[in-house]
Amino acid sequence: MTEEDKGFIIKDRRIFAEGDQEKEDKKESSGEEVKDQAQKETAPEEKQKPEIHMPEINFATFIFSLNTSALMHLGVIEDPASGKNVKNLAMGKQTIDILSMMEEKTKGNLTTEEENMLKNILYDLRIIYVKEKG
């Protein structure tokens, strides 16, 4: 292979502290530069981002997510962003309507447990909404 066929290599030869030039020279001769760079790029990310366990996505977790959103908008639980209970009845009603639509569109396709869960959540949310609106 000729020199032109190899492409090009970019090397950062800046020296930031005493002794860095000696370390750099040793790395170049031993081939450790590539390994050290890969470790520098991956090691900090692994330390900074702990693995978060997320629940399995299924119909029940989706409905519970909408339920939590509705409860937050109805002022029953606090908004995780602000840490305060903020009422937004229009958004709460919209989320209840979404859950109601889900009940209607999934009729006959749910297990008994899913059907009962959705029915009970809707009942509770509607009662809370009526109390908050009144």
Protein backbone atom coordinates (compact mmCIF):
# COMPACT_ATOMS: atom_id res chain seq x y z
CA MET A 1 0.00 0.00 0.00
CA THR A 2 1.29 3.43 -0.83
CA GLU A 3 1.16 6.37 1.51
CA GLU A 4 -1.82 7.87 -0.37
CA ASP A 5 -3.94 4.69 -0.07
CA LYS A 6 -3.81 4.64 3.74
CA GLY A 7 -6.04 7.67 4.20
CA PHE A 8 -5.16 10.05 6.98
CA ILE A 9 -4.72 9.96 10.76
CA ILE A 10 -5.43 12.87 13.06
CA LYS A 11 -3.26 13.09 16.18
CA ASP A 12 -3.72 15.64 18.92
CA ARG A 13 -0.19 16.61 19.89
CA ARG A 14 -1.07 19.32 22.35
CA ILE A 15 0.77 19.14 25.66
CA PHE A 16 -1.27 20.05 28.73
CA ALA A 17 1.15 19.16 31.53
CA GLU A 18 4.76 18.24 32.07
CA GLY A 19 5.45 14.66 31.14
CA ASP A 20 2.55 14.48 28.67
CA GLN A 21 4.94 14.53 25.71
CA GLU A 22 6.83 11.55 27.08
CA LYS A 23 3.57 9.63 27.66
CA GLU A 24 2.40 10.51 24.16
CA ASP A 25 5.63 9.26 22.61
CA LYS A 26 5.36 5.97 24.50
CA LYS A 27 1.71 5.49 23.46
CA GLU A 28 2.50 6.07 19.81
CA SER A 29 5.24 3.49 19.84
CA SER A 30 3.23 0.88 21.77
CA GLY A 31 -0.15 1.32 20.06
CA GLU A 32 -1.93 2.12 23.34
CA GLU A 33 -3.29 5.41 22.02
CA VAL A 34 -6.34 3.84 20.40
CA LYS A 35 -7.14 1.75 23.49
CA ASP A 36 -6.77 4.73 25.85
CA GLN A 37 -9.00 6.90 23.67
CA ALA A 38 -11.73 4.23 23.59
CA GLN A 39 -11.58 3.90 27.37
CA LYS A 40 -11.79 7.67 27.83
CA GLU A 41 -14.85 7.85 25.61
CA THR A 42 -16.79 4.99 27.22
CA ALA A 43 -15.71 5.04 30.87
CA PRO A 44 -17.18 8.45 31.87
CA GLU A 45 -20.55 7.68 30.26
CA GLU A 46 -20.86 4.43 32.16
CA LYS A 47 -20.13 6.19 35.44
CA GLN A 48 -22.45 9.13 34.76
CA LYS A 49 -25.48 7.21 33.51
CA PRO A 50 -26.62 4.50 35.91
CA GLU A 51 -28.83 1.89 34.31
CA ILE A 52 -32.48 2.69 34.93
CA HIS A 53 -34.92 -0.19 35.16
CA MET A 54 -38.07 0.66 33.24
CA PRO A 55 -41.29 -1.32 33.71
CA GLU A 56 -42.50 -3.58 30.94
CA ILE A 57 -44.67 -1.74 28.44
CA ASN A 58 -48.09 -3.33 28.24
CA PHE A 59 -51.70 -2.23 28.35
CA ALA A 60 -51.78 -2.00 32.16
CA THR A 61 -48.69 0.22 32.43
CA PHE A 62 -50.05 2.46 29.67
CA ILE A 63 -53.37 2.86 31.49
CA PHE A 64 -51.60 3.48 34.82
CA SER A 65 -49.53 6.16 33.10
CA LEU A 66 -52.65 7.92 31.85
CA ASN A 67 -54.24 7.52 35.30
CA THR A 68 -51.23 9.19 36.94
CA SER A 69 -51.40 12.01 34.43
CA ALA A 70 -55.11 12.54 35.11
CA LEU A 71 -54.55 12.50 38.89
CA MET A 72 -51.82 15.10 38.51
CA HIS A 73 -54.04 17.36 36.39
CA LEU A 74 -56.90 16.99 38.86
CA GLY A 75 -54.59 18.15 41.65
CA VAL A 76 -54.67 14.87 43.57
CA ILE A 77 -50.93 14.22 43.26
CA GLU A 78 -48.14 16.74 42.85
CA ASP A 79 -46.51 17.61 39.56
CA PRO A 80 -43.08 15.94 39.56
CA ALA A 81 -41.54 18.91 37.72
CA SER A 82 -42.64 21.61 40.16
CA GLY A 83 -43.36 19.55 43.27
CA LYS A 84 -46.69 21.35 43.68
CA ASN A 85 -50.31 20.31 43.31
CA VAL A 86 -51.61 22.22 40.31
CA LYS A 87 -55.16 21.80 39.02
CA ASN A 88 -55.86 21.86 35.32
CA LEU A 89 -59.36 20.44 35.06
CA ALA A 90 -59.48 20.75 31.26
CA MET A 91 -56.38 18.56 30.90
CA GLY A 92 -57.74 16.16 33.51
CA LYS A 93 -61.02 15.84 31.58
CA GLN A 94 -59.14 15.29 28.34
CA THR A 95 -57.13 12.45 29.89
CA ILE A 96 -60.33 10.91 31.28
CA ASP A 97 -61.85 11.17 27.79
CA ILE A 98 -58.78 9.41 26.34
CA LEU A 99 -59.18 6.58 28.85
CA SER A 100 -62.90 6.41 28.02
CA MET A 101 -62.07 6.18 24.32
CA MET A 102 -59.57 3.39 25.09
CA GLU A 103 -62.30 1.52 26.95
CA GLU A 104 -64.66 1.83 23.99
CA LYS A 105 -62.11 0.96 21.30
CA THR A 106 -60.72 -2.07 23.14
CA LYS A 107 -64.10 -3.56 24.11
CA GLY A 108 -64.00 -7.32 23.63
CA ASN A 109 -60.20 -7.39 23.25
CA LEU A 110 -59.17 -7.10 26.90
CA THR A 111 -58.70 -9.69 29.59
CA THR A 112 -61.14 -9.58 32.51
CA GLU A 113 -58.45 -8.05 34.74
CA GLU A 114 -57.63 -5.31 32.21
CA GLU A 115 -61.31 -4.56 31.66
CA ASN A 116 -62.00 -4.28 35.41
CA MET A 117 -58.89 -2.18 35.98
CA LEU A 118 -59.88 0.30 33.27
CA LYS A 119 -63.50 0.43 34.49
CA ASN A 120 -62.42 1.10 38.10
CA ILE A 121 -59.86 3.74 37.13
CA LEU A 122 -62.42 5.56 35.01
CA TYR A 123 -65.00 5.44 37.79
CA ASP A 124 -62.55 6.86 40.34
CA LEU A 125 -61.31 9.60 38.00
CA ARG A 126 -64.83 10.65 37.06
CA ILE A 127 -65.82 10.93 40.75
CA ILE A 128 -62.73 13.04 41.49
CA TYR A 129 -63.39 15.25 38.46
CA VAL A 130 -67.00 15.91 39.49
CA LYS A 131 -65.93 16.78 43.06
CA GLU A 132 -63.17 19.12 41.84
CA LYS A 133 -65.41 20.82 39.26
CA GLY A 134 -68.33 21.32 41.63
